[in-house]
Structure formats: structure tokens, C-alpha cells
């Protein structure tokens, strides 16, 4: 039995295999309609979610399986004080695989130690979000055809953005990938990640100006400033509109630069950008479903 808590739990070869499976699902969906018949996925979402939860549910339904679970901690026995450990031990009796989101970093790891079925981390605080990273990777692959020799720009909340942290870890394993980190001083990438990149000899630069670096980017990954991660509302209000992507700002960008965003969007991408052929954030949503289908098949050992 195997759980996926961090994107680095998957080797590069395994990620390539998941991408191949996802591409086959896209090309031949009818071949997968009953692959998980009589299997159950439990979605344990201790933190609100729309896209990730529905994506997991859609993925399991399209594989012919069933879904049980809850969408808010208040709808579970956690509201009575039940521990995460006990919750997953109980749910393991009902389901074949569990997708879990929790506001506390490390909670899915505790769950995986106690569960009798595979656990998929569907996001833990500001820490990791491996299946969003799988969605990002499939989108990049389908748009660019490769992962090597790319300059990837991340813009916005790089401190609390778990999708940013996971994608940096994933992309760091490919050849000659360079990162451009665009954020306010208060929302820089955490120091431990900077130390990891320095130790691994990964090329990166930090800046506060998106316009200055736009021409050099092969991929732009926008993020929202996350109100739910702030302790001080005044700081959130001050920083929330630090970067707003507009058609004007894209004039200096490469004509084939995909624009990614994990969603939900607030103000950081103008709706006028949606008509730009480089806008890929809604493609990401579909790609997330296909990669979650591929991951569920892998963890359940379904051929």
C-alpha cells in the first residue's frame, strides 16, 4: 500500500508514466469507464474546496467508482473533537482510497501512518499540493512538449502558495530549469526552499517586478494572495492586489508562453486575459481531473 503526500514521492519516471496514462485517458476515455467499478474513494476535506474536491469526485465517477466523504470539518466528527488519526482509521473501513485536505501542515502524513488504504494529500496548509502539481505538469507538457530548458516564472504569494512549492520541487528535477520568483518582500519563497535550491545548484532570481522579467519567461504561473493564510487582515488588504496580469502587461511576453493559475482567481488575472490563447488555467482544471484519474488507477493497482 502506498500514499502520495508530496510530489517527490513520485519519481520522474512515475510522473512520466502518469502523464502517458492521462494522455491515453484523454484520447480514449471509453477504455476507462469501468476501471474502478466497485471501488470507493473517500474525500475527507477538513478545509473548504471546490475544484480539488469536485475534480477527485469527477475522476472517480469517470472511472466507474463511487465516492463518499465530507466537504467541511463541521460536517464530520472532527467538530466533536475526533482526531485525524481516528477519522482515517474509521473511513479506511469504508473506502479503498482516501483524498484528504487539511489546514494543518503534515496532517495527511499522520493520516497515512494510521490508514489501511492509500492516502492522497489534496493540500495541507501552506505545505504541499501534489495533485495540483500533477495538473500543472500535464498542462506544461501538453503546451510545451517537454520540461527541460524552461524558464518558469512564479508571481504573487510565494510564501504560503503550496502549489508553488510543489511545482518548484517537481520542476527542479528536470534539466536546465530556471526559476524567476516575483513577489512582494513579505511573500517571498520560504528560506528553506531558497536553501534547497542553493544546495542543489538550481538557477533562480528573485524580483518584485513582473514587467522587468516578462520577456524571458517560457511559462508564467500566477497565484492569488491567500486571505485564509494571513493572521493580520491589514497586511492582506495591503498586499492582495500587488500583481494584476492584464493584456497590456502581456505585450512583452513570448507568443507561446502558457499562463497558469491554480485557481480560484480573485483579482490577479484580468478577465480580459481569458481570451488570450496563452491562457491555460481552465485547461489546467481538466488536466487535473485526468491526472487524478491516472493517480487513482496507479495507487489502486488497476491495469
Protein backbone atom coordinates (compact mmCIF):
# COMPACT_ATOMS: atom_id res chain seq x y z
CA UNK A 1 0.00 0.00 0.00
CA UNK A 2 1.33 3.40 -0.98
CA UNK A 3 0.31 7.01 -0.26
CA UNK A 4 1.22 10.22 -2.11
CA UNK A 5 1.86 13.09 0.29
CA UNK A 6 4.45 15.11 -1.60
CA UNK A 7 5.20 15.37 -5.32
CA UNK A 8 8.67 13.97 -4.62
CA UNK A 9 7.04 10.72 -3.50
CA UNK A 10 6.76 10.11 -7.26
CA UNK A 11 9.89 9.57 -9.31
CA UNK A 12 10.40 11.41 -12.60
CA UNK A 13 9.74 8.12 -14.39
CA UNK A 14 6.48 7.64 -12.49
CA UNK A 15 5.35 11.18 -13.33
CA UNK A 16 6.11 10.50 -16.99
CA UNK A 17 4.05 7.32 -16.71
CA UNK A 18 1.10 9.19 -15.16
CA UNK A 19 1.28 11.77 -17.96
CA UNK A 20 1.21 8.94 -20.53
CA UNK A 21 -1.84 7.39 -18.83
CA UNK A 22 -3.60 10.77 -18.62
CA UNK A 23 -2.97 11.41 -22.32
CA UNK A 24 -4.41 7.97 -23.12
CA UNK A 25 -7.49 8.74 -20.99
CA UNK A 26 -7.94 11.99 -22.95
CA UNK A 27 -7.64 10.11 -26.25
CA UNK A 28 -9.67 7.02 -25.28
CA UNK A 29 -11.97 7.81 -22.30
CA UNK A 30 -14.25 4.88 -23.11
CA UNK A 31 -11.45 2.45 -22.19
CA UNK A 32 -11.54 3.67 -18.58
CA UNK A 33 -15.26 3.89 -17.78
CA UNK A 34 -15.34 0.80 -15.55
CA UNK A 35 -11.73 0.51 -14.38
CA UNK A 36 -12.71 1.30 -10.77
CA UNK A 37 -16.10 -0.40 -10.71
CA UNK A 38 -16.97 -1.47 -7.14
CA UNK A 39 -14.19 0.76 -5.74
CA UNK A 40 -14.85 3.69 -3.38
CA UNK A 41 -12.99 6.96 -2.93
CA UNK A 42 -13.45 8.89 0.32
CA UNK A 43 -12.95 12.67 0.09
CA UNK A 44 -12.06 13.99 3.57
CA UNK A 45 -11.95 17.76 3.22
CA UNK A 46 -11.32 19.42 6.58
CA UNK A 47 -10.88 22.70 4.67
CA UNK A 48 -13.26 24.12 2.03
CA UNK A 49 -12.52 23.33 -1.61
CA UNK A 50 -14.41 23.45 -4.87
CA UNK A 51 -12.06 22.47 -7.69
CA UNK A 52 -9.94 19.85 -5.96
CA UNK A 53 -12.80 18.03 -4.27
CA UNK A 54 -15.03 18.01 -7.35
CA UNK A 55 -12.07 17.02 -9.51
CA UNK A 56 -11.41 13.95 -7.35
CA UNK A 57 -15.10 13.07 -7.36
CA UNK A 58 -15.39 13.51 -11.14
CA UNK A 59 -12.23 11.45 -11.63
CA UNK A 60 -13.57 8.52 -9.59
CA UNK A 61 -17.01 8.66 -11.22
CA UNK A 62 -15.44 8.65 -14.70
CA UNK A 63 -13.52 5.52 -13.70
CA UNK A 64 -16.80 3.84 -12.75
CA UNK A 65 -16.24 4.09 -8.99
CA UNK A 66 -18.22 5.57 -6.12
CA UNK A 67 -17.49 8.49 -3.78
CA UNK A 68 -18.20 9.06 -0.08
CA UNK A 69 -16.92 11.73 2.29
CA UNK A 70 -17.44 15.26 3.62
CA UNK A 71 -16.67 18.75 2.34
CA UNK A 72 -16.14 20.61 5.62
CA UNK A 73 -14.75 19.73 9.04
CA UNK A 74 -18.02 20.95 10.59
CA UNK A 75 -19.79 18.13 8.74
CA UNK A 76 -17.56 15.49 10.31
CA UNK A 77 -16.82 14.10 13.76
CA UNK A 78 -13.83 16.45 13.87
CA UNK A 79 -16.36 19.01 15.11
CA UNK A 80 -16.82 16.73 18.15
CA UNK A 81 -13.08 16.56 18.73
CA UNK A 82 -12.24 13.33 16.91
CA UNK A 83 -8.59 13.14 15.87
CA UNK A 84 -7.44 12.88 12.26
CA UNK A 85 -5.91 9.52 13.14
CA UNK A 86 -9.20 8.08 14.35
CA UNK A 87 -11.16 9.57 11.44
CA UNK A 88 -8.98 7.91 8.81
CA UNK A 89 -8.94 4.58 10.64
CA UNK A 90 -12.74 4.60 10.60
CA UNK A 91 -13.02 5.73 6.97
CA UNK A 92 -10.47 3.07 5.94
CA UNK A 93 -13.17 0.55 6.85
CA UNK A 94 -15.49 2.03 4.21
CA UNK A 95 -13.28 3.11 1.30
CA UNK A 96 -10.49 1.76 -0.92
CA UNK A 97 -8.61 5.07 -1.19
CA UNK A 98 -8.77 8.47 0.56
CA UNK A 99 -8.18 12.01 -0.75
CA UNK A 100 -7.61 14.36 2.18
CA UNK A 101 -7.30 18.12 2.55
CA UNK A 102 -6.42 19.68 5.89
CA UNK A 103 -5.45 23.22 7.04
CA UNK A 104 -2.56 21.90 9.17
CA UNK A 105 0.76 21.03 7.54
CA UNK A 106 1.64 17.38 8.00
CA UNK A 107 -1.88 16.14 8.79
CA UNK A 108 -2.02 13.84 5.70
CA UNK A 109 1.28 12.28 6.78
CA UNK A 110 -0.21 11.41 10.16
CA UNK A 111 -3.26 10.03 8.34
CA UNK A 112 -1.09 7.86 6.10
CA UNK A 113 0.61 6.35 9.17
CA UNK A 114 -2.75 5.21 10.54
CA UNK A 115 -4.84 4.40 7.46
CA UNK A 116 -5.23 0.95 5.97
CA UNK A 117 -5.74 2.35 2.45
CA UNK A 118 -3.75 4.78 0.26
CA UNK A 119 -3.91 8.46 1.22
CA UNK A 120 -3.61 11.22 -1.38
CA UNK A 121 -2.69 14.63 0.01
CA UNK A 122 -5.20 17.07 -1.52
CA UNK A 123 -3.50 20.04 0.14
CA UNK A 124 -2.15 20.59 3.66
CA UNK A 125 -1.96 24.21 4.80
CA UNK A 126 0.79 26.14 3.04
CA UNK A 127 2.86 23.00 2.60
CA UNK A 128 2.10 20.66 -0.33
CA UNK A 129 -0.49 20.05 -3.03
CA UNK A 130 0.89 17.20 -5.17
CA UNK A 131 -2.16 16.55 -7.36
CA UNK A 132 -2.37 20.22 -8.34
CA UNK A 133 1.27 19.86 -9.36
CA UNK A 134 0.35 16.85 -11.50
CA UNK A 135 -2.28 19.04 -13.19
CA UNK A 136 0.34 21.75 -13.72
CA UNK A 137 2.84 19.27 -15.17
CA UNK A 138 0.35 17.78 -17.63
CA UNK A 139 -0.62 21.29 -18.75
CA UNK A 140 3.01 22.29 -19.27
CA UNK A 141 3.71 19.05 -21.14
CA UNK A 142 0.70 19.41 -23.43
CA UNK A 143 1.54 23.06 -24.16
CA UNK A 144 5.34 22.84 -24.44
CA UNK A 145 6.00 19.16 -25.18
CA UNK A 146 8.84 18.89 -22.64
CA UNK A 147 10.07 20.04 -19.20
CA UNK A 148 13.78 20.61 -19.85
CA UNK A 149 15.37 24.00 -20.62
CA UNK A 150 12.44 26.13 -19.41
CA UNK A 151 12.38 29.44 -17.53
CA UNK A 152 9.39 29.32 -15.17
CA UNK A 153 8.09 32.50 -13.58
CA UNK A 154 6.06 32.35 -10.36
CA UNK A 155 4.20 35.51 -9.40
CA UNK A 156 2.22 36.51 -6.30
CA UNK A 157 2.08 34.73 -2.95
CA UNK A 158 5.19 32.54 -2.98
CA UNK A 159 5.35 32.24 0.81
CA UNK A 160 2.06 30.46 1.51
CA UNK A 161 1.45 29.13 -2.02
CA UNK A 162 1.65 25.36 -1.59
CA UNK A 163 1.10 24.87 -5.34
CA UNK A 164 4.24 26.95 -5.98
CA UNK A 165 6.30 24.93 -3.50
CA UNK A 166 5.20 21.62 -5.01
CA UNK A 167 5.80 22.71 -8.62
CA UNK A 168 9.28 24.04 -7.81
CA UNK A 169 10.14 20.67 -6.24
CA UNK A 170 8.82 18.84 -9.30
CA UNK A 171 10.40 21.02 -11.99
CA UNK A 172 13.76 21.11 -10.15
CA UNK A 173 14.33 17.50 -11.16
CA UNK A 174 14.38 18.26 -14.89
CA UNK A 175 17.41 19.53 -16.82
CA UNK A 176 18.32 23.20 -17.06
CA UNK A 177 15.13 24.57 -15.49
CA UNK A 178 15.41 28.13 -14.20
CA UNK A 179 13.01 29.90 -11.82
CA UNK A 180 12.06 33.57 -11.69
CA UNK A 181 10.37 34.39 -8.36
CA UNK A 182 8.20 37.53 -8.44
CA UNK A 183 6.64 38.66 -5.16
CA UNK A 184 6.41 41.41 -2.55
CA UNK A 185 9.18 41.21 0.02
CA UNK A 186 6.70 39.89 2.63
CA UNK A 187 5.58 36.99 0.41
CA UNK A 188 8.93 35.65 -0.82
CA UNK A 189 9.56 31.94 -1.22
CA UNK A 190 10.36 30.47 2.25
CA UNK A 191 14.04 30.50 3.20
CA UNK A 192 14.18 26.69 3.45
CA UNK A 193 13.30 26.45 -0.25
CA UNK A 194 15.93 29.01 -1.17
CA UNK A 195 18.45 26.94 0.78
CA UNK A 196 17.33 23.78 -1.05
CA UNK A 197 17.76 25.46 -4.45
CA UNK A 198 21.17 26.85 -3.49
CA UNK A 199 22.30 23.43 -2.29
CA UNK A 200 21.10 21.76 -5.50
CA UNK A 201 22.71 24.41 -7.70
CA UNK A 202 19.36 25.41 -9.25
CA UNK A 203 19.38 28.74 -11.06
CA UNK A 204 16.84 31.29 -9.83
CA UNK A 205 16.31 35.00 -9.36
CA UNK A 206 14.05 36.96 -7.03
CA UNK A 207 12.42 40.24 -8.06
CA UNK A 208 9.47 42.48 -7.22
CA UNK A 209 8.83 43.49 -10.86
CA UNK A 210 6.84 41.22 -13.19
CA UNK A 211 7.20 43.62 -16.13
CA UNK A 212 11.01 43.50 -15.98
CA UNK A 213 11.21 39.72 -16.31
CA UNK A 214 8.20 39.02 -18.55
CA UNK A 215 10.16 38.79 -21.84
CA UNK A 216 12.40 35.97 -20.57
CA UNK A 217 9.64 33.66 -19.28
CA UNK A 218 8.68 30.41 -21.03
CA UNK A 219 5.86 29.82 -18.50
CA UNK A 220 4.07 32.22 -16.15
CA UNK A 221 2.44 30.79 -13.02
CA UNK A 222 0.19 33.33 -11.30
CA UNK A 223 -1.13 32.88 -7.76
CA UNK A 224 -3.59 34.71 -5.54
CA UNK A 225 -2.68 36.28 -2.24
CA UNK A 226 -4.44 33.89 0.15
CA UNK A 227 -6.54 35.68 2.74
CA UNK A 228 -7.00 32.49 4.76
CA UNK A 229 -3.23 32.22 5.41
CA UNK A 230 -2.91 35.72 6.92
CA UNK A 231 -3.03 36.47 10.63
CA UNK A 232 -3.39 40.21 10.02
CA UNK A 233 -6.18 41.45 7.73
CA UNK A 234 -4.46 44.81 7.26
CA UNK A 235 -1.44 43.03 5.74
CA UNK A 236 -3.72 41.05 3.42
CA UNK A 237 -5.51 44.19 2.22
CA UNK A 238 -2.19 45.93 1.61
CA UNK A 239 -0.75 43.06 -0.43
CA UNK A 240 -3.75 41.44 -2.14
CA UNK A 241 -3.54 43.42 -5.38
CA UNK A 242 0.26 43.54 -5.63
CA UNK A 243 0.21 41.98 -9.11
CA UNK A 244 -2.62 42.10 -11.62
CA UNK A 245 -1.97 40.49 -15.01
CA UNK A 246 -3.51 42.47 -17.89
CA UNK A 247 -3.31 42.27 -21.71
CA UNK A 248 -1.07 45.35 -21.59
CA UNK A 249 1.49 43.59 -19.39
CA UNK A 250 1.47 40.58 -21.74
CA UNK A 251 2.62 42.61 -24.74
CA UNK A 252 6.27 41.90 -23.92
CA UNK A 253 5.69 38.17 -23.25
CA UNK A 254 6.66 35.38 -25.61
CA UNK A 255 3.86 34.44 -28.04
CA UNK A 256 3.88 30.81 -26.82
CA UNK A 257 4.14 31.46 -23.06
CA UNK A 258 1.41 29.47 -21.25
CA UNK A 259 -0.28 31.34 -18.37
CA UNK A 260 -1.11 29.02 -15.47
CA UNK A 261 -3.03 29.62 -12.25
CA UNK A 262 -4.20 27.00 -9.71
CA UNK A 263 -7.48 28.91 -9.13
CA UNK A 264 -9.57 30.31 -7.55
CA UNK A 265 -8.78 33.63 -9.16
CA UNK A 266 -9.61 36.86 -7.35
CA UNK A 267 -8.10 39.98 -8.97
CA UNK A 268 -4.67 38.79 -10.04
CA UNK A 269 -5.62 37.97 -13.66
CA UNK A 270 -7.89 40.37 -15.52
CA UNK A 271 -10.84 38.61 -17.18
CA UNK A 272 -9.66 40.31 -20.38
CA UNK A 273 -6.75 37.85 -20.39
CA UNK A 274 -9.15 34.89 -20.66
CA UNK A 275 -9.45 35.37 -24.43
CA UNK A 276 -5.68 35.25 -24.91
CA UNK A 277 -4.70 31.88 -26.48
CA UNK A 278 -1.89 31.64 -23.91
CA UNK A 279 -4.39 31.48 -21.00
CA UNK A 280 -4.28 27.86 -19.80
CA UNK A 281 -5.82 27.99 -16.33
CA UNK A 282 -9.12 26.41 -17.35
CA UNK A 283 -7.22 23.74 -19.30
CA UNK A 284 -5.40 23.07 -16.01
CA UNK A 285 -8.73 22.20 -14.38
CA UNK A 286 -9.48 19.49 -16.95
CA UNK A 287 -5.91 18.23 -16.84
CA UNK A 288 -6.19 17.91 -13.07
CA UNK A 289 -9.11 15.52 -13.44
CA UNK A 290 -7.20 13.33 -15.90
CA UNK A 291 -4.08 13.20 -13.72
CA UNK A 292 -6.14 12.34 -10.64
CA UNK A 293 -7.72 9.51 -12.64
CA UNK A 294 -4.25 8.26 -13.56
CA UNK A 295 -3.05 8.50 -9.94
CA UNK A 296 -6.08 6.68 -8.55
CA UNK A 297 -5.50 3.85 -11.04
CA UNK A 298 -1.84 3.65 -10.04
CA UNK A 299 -2.44 3.60 -6.29
CA UNK A 300 -5.23 1.03 -6.58
CA UNK A 301 -3.03 -1.15 -8.79
CA UNK A 302 -5.56 -1.13 -11.63
CA UNK A 303 -4.04 -2.05 -15.00
